[in-house]
Protein backbone atom coordinates (compact mmCIF):
# COMPACT_ATOMS: atom_id res chain seq x y z
CA UNK A 1 -40.63 10.63 -23.36
CA UNK A 2 -37.14 9.81 -22.09
CA UNK A 3 -36.21 6.15 -22.15
CA UNK A 4 -33.23 4.10 -21.01
CA UNK A 5 -33.19 0.58 -22.42
CA UNK A 6 -30.91 -2.01 -20.80
CA UNK A 7 -28.32 0.67 -20.04
CA UNK A 8 -25.04 -0.03 -18.23
CA UNK A 9 -22.28 2.42 -17.31
CA UNK A 10 -19.06 1.85 -15.39
CA UNK A 11 -16.22 4.13 -14.38
CA UNK A 12 -13.17 1.90 -14.32
CA UNK A 13 -13.99 -1.00 -12.04
CA UNK A 14 -16.94 0.78 -10.45
CA UNK A 15 -20.36 0.03 -11.91
CA UNK A 16 -22.61 3.11 -11.75
CA UNK A 17 -25.57 1.67 -13.70
CA UNK A 18 -26.27 -1.98 -14.39
CA UNK A 19 -28.65 -3.15 -17.14
CA UNK A 20 -31.22 -0.53 -16.21
CA UNK A 21 -34.43 0.14 -18.13
CA UNK A 22 -36.55 3.17 -17.29
CA UNK A 23 -39.16 5.40 -18.89
CA UNK A 24 -39.83 8.99 -17.84
CA UNK A 25 -43.23 10.19 -19.07
CA UNK A 26 -43.74 13.44 -20.94
CA UNK A 27 -45.00 16.46 -18.96
CA UNK A 28 -44.59 14.64 -15.66
CA UNK A 29 -42.08 14.98 -12.84
CA UNK A 30 -39.91 11.94 -12.20
CA UNK A 31 -37.68 12.00 -9.12
CA UNK A 32 -34.61 9.77 -8.87
CA UNK A 33 -33.69 9.05 -5.28
CA UNK A 34 -31.30 6.83 -3.37
CA UNK A 35 -28.08 6.85 -1.36
CA UNK A 36 -24.90 8.49 -2.60
CA UNK A 37 -23.27 6.53 -5.41
CA UNK A 38 -26.44 4.72 -6.46
CA UNK A 39 -26.23 6.06 -10.04
CA UNK A 40 -28.96 8.67 -10.06
CA UNK A 41 -26.74 11.57 -11.25
CA UNK A 42 -25.21 9.29 -13.87
CA UNK A 43 -28.69 8.84 -15.35
CA UNK A 44 -28.98 12.61 -15.90
CA UNK A 45 -25.55 12.69 -17.54
CA UNK A 46 -26.55 9.82 -19.82
CA UNK A 47 -29.77 11.58 -20.83
CA UNK A 48 -28.00 14.80 -21.76
CA UNK A 49 -25.12 12.97 -23.40
CA UNK A 50 -22.30 14.04 -21.10
CA UNK A 51 -21.38 10.38 -20.78
CA UNK A 52 -22.16 7.48 -23.09
CA UNK A 53 -23.53 4.12 -22.00
CA UNK A 54 -21.25 1.11 -22.18
CA UNK A 55 -24.28 -0.92 -23.19
CA UNK A 56 -27.88 -0.15 -24.07
CA UNK A 57 -29.70 2.82 -25.60
CA UNK A 58 -30.78 6.20 -24.29
CA UNK A 59 -33.71 7.67 -26.24
CA UNK A 60 -35.02 11.22 -26.18
CA UNK A 61 -38.44 11.71 -27.78
CA UNK A 62 -37.95 8.37 -29.53
CA UNK A 63 -34.52 9.27 -30.93
CA UNK A 64 -31.41 7.42 -29.71
CA UNK A 65 -28.88 9.86 -28.21
CA UNK A 66 -25.66 9.51 -30.23
CA UNK A 67 -22.44 11.50 -30.64
CA UNK A 68 -23.79 12.72 -33.99
CA UNK A 69 -27.02 14.25 -32.66
CA UNK A 70 -26.27 14.98 -29.00
CA UNK A 71 -25.52 18.70 -29.48
CA UNK A 72 -28.81 19.22 -31.30
CA UNK A 73 -30.78 17.26 -28.71
CA UNK A 74 -29.17 19.16 -25.83
CA UNK A 75 -30.82 22.33 -27.08
CA UNK A 76 -34.13 20.74 -26.05
CA UNK A 77 -32.89 20.04 -22.51
CA UNK A 78 -32.30 22.40 -19.61
CA UNK A 79 -29.77 21.16 -17.05
CA UNK A 80 -29.24 22.45 -13.51
CA UNK A 81 -26.18 20.84 -11.97
CA UNK A 82 -25.32 20.52 -8.29
CA UNK A 83 -24.70 23.91 -6.64
CA UNK A 84 -25.97 25.67 -9.78
CA UNK A 85 -22.71 25.65 -11.70
CA UNK A 86 -22.70 29.36 -12.53
CA UNK A 87 -19.59 30.83 -14.14
CA UNK A 88 -18.10 33.17 -11.52
CA UNK A 89 -16.58 35.56 -14.09
CA UNK A 90 -19.96 36.24 -15.73
CA UNK A 91 -22.80 38.33 -14.35
CA UNK A 92 -26.12 36.65 -13.67
CA UNK A 93 -27.34 37.97 -17.03
CA UNK A 94 -24.22 36.68 -18.74
CA UNK A 95 -24.80 33.22 -17.29
CA UNK A 96 -28.47 33.16 -18.27
CA UNK A 97 -27.90 34.33 -21.85
CA UNK A 98 -24.75 32.33 -22.60
CA UNK A 99 -26.34 29.82 -24.99
CA UNK A 100 -28.72 32.38 -26.48
CA UNK A 101 -25.72 34.51 -27.45
CA UNK A 102 -23.91 31.48 -28.82
CA UNK A 103 -26.95 30.77 -31.01
CA UNK A 104 -27.11 34.43 -32.13
CA UNK A 105 -30.47 35.32 -30.62
CA UNK A 106 -31.20 38.98 -31.33
CA UNK A 107 -31.24 41.54 -28.53
CA UNK A 108 -35.03 41.98 -28.52
CA UNK A 109 -35.62 38.25 -28.22
CA UNK A 110 -33.06 37.94 -25.41
CA UNK A 111 -34.49 40.91 -23.48
CA UNK A 112 -38.03 39.58 -23.79
CA UNK A 113 -37.03 36.13 -22.58
CA UNK A 114 -35.05 37.58 -19.67
CA UNK A 115 -38.09 39.54 -18.52
CA UNK A 116 -40.33 36.46 -18.77
CA UNK A 117 -37.94 34.30 -16.79
CA UNK A 118 -37.21 36.91 -14.12
CA UNK A 119 -40.91 37.13 -13.44
CA UNK A 120 -41.31 33.35 -13.52
CA UNK A 121 -38.56 32.62 -10.97
CA UNK A 122 -39.24 35.81 -8.96
CA UNK A 123 -35.76 37.28 -9.31
CA UNK A 124 -35.59 41.10 -9.52
CA UNK A 125 -34.03 42.14 -12.83
CA UNK A 126 -31.74 44.50 -10.94
CA UNK A 127 -29.88 41.47 -9.57
CA UNK A 128 -28.95 40.32 -13.07
CA UNK A 129 -26.00 42.74 -13.14
CA UNK A 130 -24.51 41.04 -10.07
CA UNK A 131 -21.88 38.32 -10.18
CA UNK A 132 -22.62 34.94 -8.55
CA UNK A 133 -20.50 35.78 -5.50
CA UNK A 134 -22.77 38.79 -4.86
CA UNK A 135 -25.94 36.68 -4.83
CA UNK A 136 -27.46 34.59 -2.06
CA UNK A 137 -27.68 30.82 -2.45
CA UNK A 138 -31.36 31.04 -3.31
CA UNK A 139 -30.75 33.76 -5.88
CA UNK A 140 -27.99 31.73 -7.51
CA UNK A 141 -30.35 28.78 -7.85
CA UNK A 142 -32.97 31.02 -9.47
CA UNK A 143 -30.35 32.24 -11.95
CA UNK A 144 -29.37 28.63 -12.68
CA UNK A 145 -33.00 27.80 -13.38
CA UNK A 146 -33.32 30.83 -15.66
CA UNK A 147 -30.26 29.64 -17.59
CA UNK A 148 -31.74 26.15 -17.93
CA UNK A 149 -35.03 27.61 -19.22
CA UNK A 150 -33.56 30.26 -21.52
CA UNK A 151 -33.99 28.22 -24.72
CA UNK A 152 -37.48 27.03 -23.66
CA UNK A 153 -36.44 23.36 -23.53
CA UNK A 154 -38.84 20.43 -23.59
CA UNK A 155 -37.14 18.79 -20.61
CA UNK A 156 -35.65 20.03 -17.33
CA UNK A 157 -32.96 17.95 -15.62
CA UNK A 158 -32.12 19.03 -12.06
CA UNK A 159 -29.33 17.42 -10.04
CA UNK A 160 -29.75 18.11 -6.30
CA UNK A 161 -30.94 21.65 -7.13
CA UNK A 162 -31.64 22.59 -3.51
CA UNK A 163 -29.17 20.43 -1.65
CA UNK A 164 -26.77 23.16 -0.51
CA UNK A 165 -29.39 25.60 0.79
CA UNK A 166 -30.43 26.23 4.37
CA UNK A 167 -33.86 24.83 5.37
CA UNK A 168 -35.83 28.10 5.18
CA UNK A 169 -34.57 29.04 1.70
CA UNK A 170 -34.95 25.44 0.57
CA UNK A 171 -38.59 25.28 1.65
CA UNK A 172 -39.38 28.55 -0.15
CA UNK A 173 -37.67 27.41 -3.36
CA UNK A 174 -39.40 24.04 -3.24
CA UNK A 175 -42.77 25.75 -3.32
CA UNK A 176 -41.66 28.10 -6.10
CA UNK A 177 -40.22 25.27 -8.20
CA UNK A 178 -43.36 23.17 -7.88
CA UNK A 179 -45.43 26.14 -9.02
CA UNK A 180 -43.09 26.69 -11.98
CA UNK A 181 -43.28 23.03 -13.02
CA UNK A 182 -47.08 23.14 -12.98
CA UNK A 183 -47.19 26.39 -14.90
CA UNK A 184 -44.78 25.26 -17.64
CA UNK A 185 -46.03 21.69 -18.01
CA UNK A 186 -42.60 20.38 -18.99
CA UNK A 187 -41.04 16.97 -18.52
CA UNK A 188 -38.94 17.20 -15.35
CA UNK A 189 -36.36 14.80 -13.94
CA UNK A 190 -34.98 15.61 -10.48
CA UNK A 191 -32.21 13.94 -8.50
CA UNK A 192 -32.38 14.19 -4.71
CA UNK A 193 -31.40 12.17 -1.64
CA UNK A 194 -34.33 13.51 0.42
CA UNK A 195 -37.47 11.35 0.35
CA UNK A 196 -39.70 14.16 1.66
CA UNK A 197 -38.49 16.45 -1.12
CA UNK A 198 -39.03 13.67 -3.64
CA UNK A 199 -42.59 13.16 -2.42
CA UNK A 200 -43.26 16.90 -2.62
CA UNK A 201 -42.26 17.15 -6.29
CA UNK A 202 -42.86 13.75 -7.83
CA UNK A 203 -45.58 12.32 -9.96
CA UNK A 204 -43.36 9.24 -9.84
CA UNK A 205 -40.40 8.25 -7.65
CA UNK A 206 -37.62 5.91 -8.74
CA UNK A 207 -35.70 4.54 -5.73
CA UNK A 208 -32.24 3.23 -6.62
CA UNK A 209 -29.46 1.26 -4.97
CA UNK A 210 -26.08 0.30 -6.48
CA UNK A 211 -27.09 1.20 -10.02
CA UNK A 212 -30.37 -0.71 -9.93
CA UNK A 213 -34.02 0.28 -9.54
CA UNK A 214 -35.46 -1.11 -6.31
CA UNK A 215 -38.98 0.34 -6.64
CA UNK A 216 -40.73 2.92 -8.80
CA UNK A 217 -44.20 4.38 -8.69
CA UNK A 218 -46.32 7.12 -7.08
CA UNK A 219 -44.79 8.55 -3.89
CA UNK A 220 -47.42 7.16 -1.55
CA UNK A 221 -46.92 3.65 -2.91
CA UNK A 222 -43.40 3.54 -1.55
CA UNK A 223 -44.80 4.16 1.92
CA UNK A 224 -47.89 1.96 1.78
CA UNK A 225 -46.61 -0.84 -0.43
CA UNK A 226 -42.81 -1.21 -0.12
CA UNK A 227 -41.64 -3.95 -2.45
CA UNK A 228 -38.27 -4.61 -0.81
CA UNK A 229 -36.76 -4.33 2.67
CA UNK A 230 -34.41 -1.62 1.40
CA UNK A 231 -37.41 0.61 0.64
CA UNK A 232 -38.55 0.43 4.25
CA UNK A 233 -34.97 0.90 5.50
CA UNK A 234 -34.40 3.96 3.30
CA UNK A 235 -37.65 5.62 4.33
CA UNK A 236 -37.17 4.80 8.01
CA UNK A 237 -33.74 6.47 7.92
CA UNK A 238 -35.30 9.78 6.84
CA UNK A 239 -35.97 12.19 9.72
CA UNK A 240 -38.34 13.84 10.44
CA UNK A 241 -41.07 11.37 9.36
CA UNK A 242 -42.75 12.00 6.04
CA UNK A 243 -45.74 14.29 5.89
CA UNK A 244 -47.46 14.06 2.51
CA UNK A 245 -49.51 17.01 1.37
CA UNK A 246 -52.86 16.57 -0.30
CA UNK A 247 -51.31 16.83 -3.79
CA UNK A 248 -49.28 13.63 -3.35
CA UNK A 249 -50.99 10.62 -4.85
């Protein structure tokens, strides 16, 4: 389980997170949603230790994340940043295997894992010799996911993983990602601004505003039982109207 206990984080005079407490259950998909600047991406950075809280504690599998243990704990987390974050001077294979090479994985182990992941994300292995600029947006996102999964982490953190894609590619990748999450059974935390996308992926949605949690719970609860006027306002602003599939509870 991932847990934030009474966490606050500011950047200068701007408060990103204010006295926030949140638990993200193991082997479930939690989606953080809200308007730009509400603090949802900051939560991912706090979990993986890229920034430290000004107050409070971030725990990963019961262990507080500290400067002393953060590098070790990061090996258990896969992180997909906005727009994929691939290194343009490395091939797709070079991007995927970067940490495995750093940790001195042998060639057989690397090749086996590459084959597993290529099949999982449905990326032809022939494309792994290409550089990011030679790949489509959807292919780059698949490579980014392969990189995040290379070390077989316990947790996947995805920050707007599909935000820059056109609607057709985005819809296809949404379906593929949901299938991957089910197959792997990992703890997943996703940041998005799209309530329909959140409902598609989430076991649980956390709706935020100005560094605070406004409502959290199953996707359908936000529609049927809004706890605050902002919840209704946020959902009403989404177009087209929500269409929940039968998997959404």
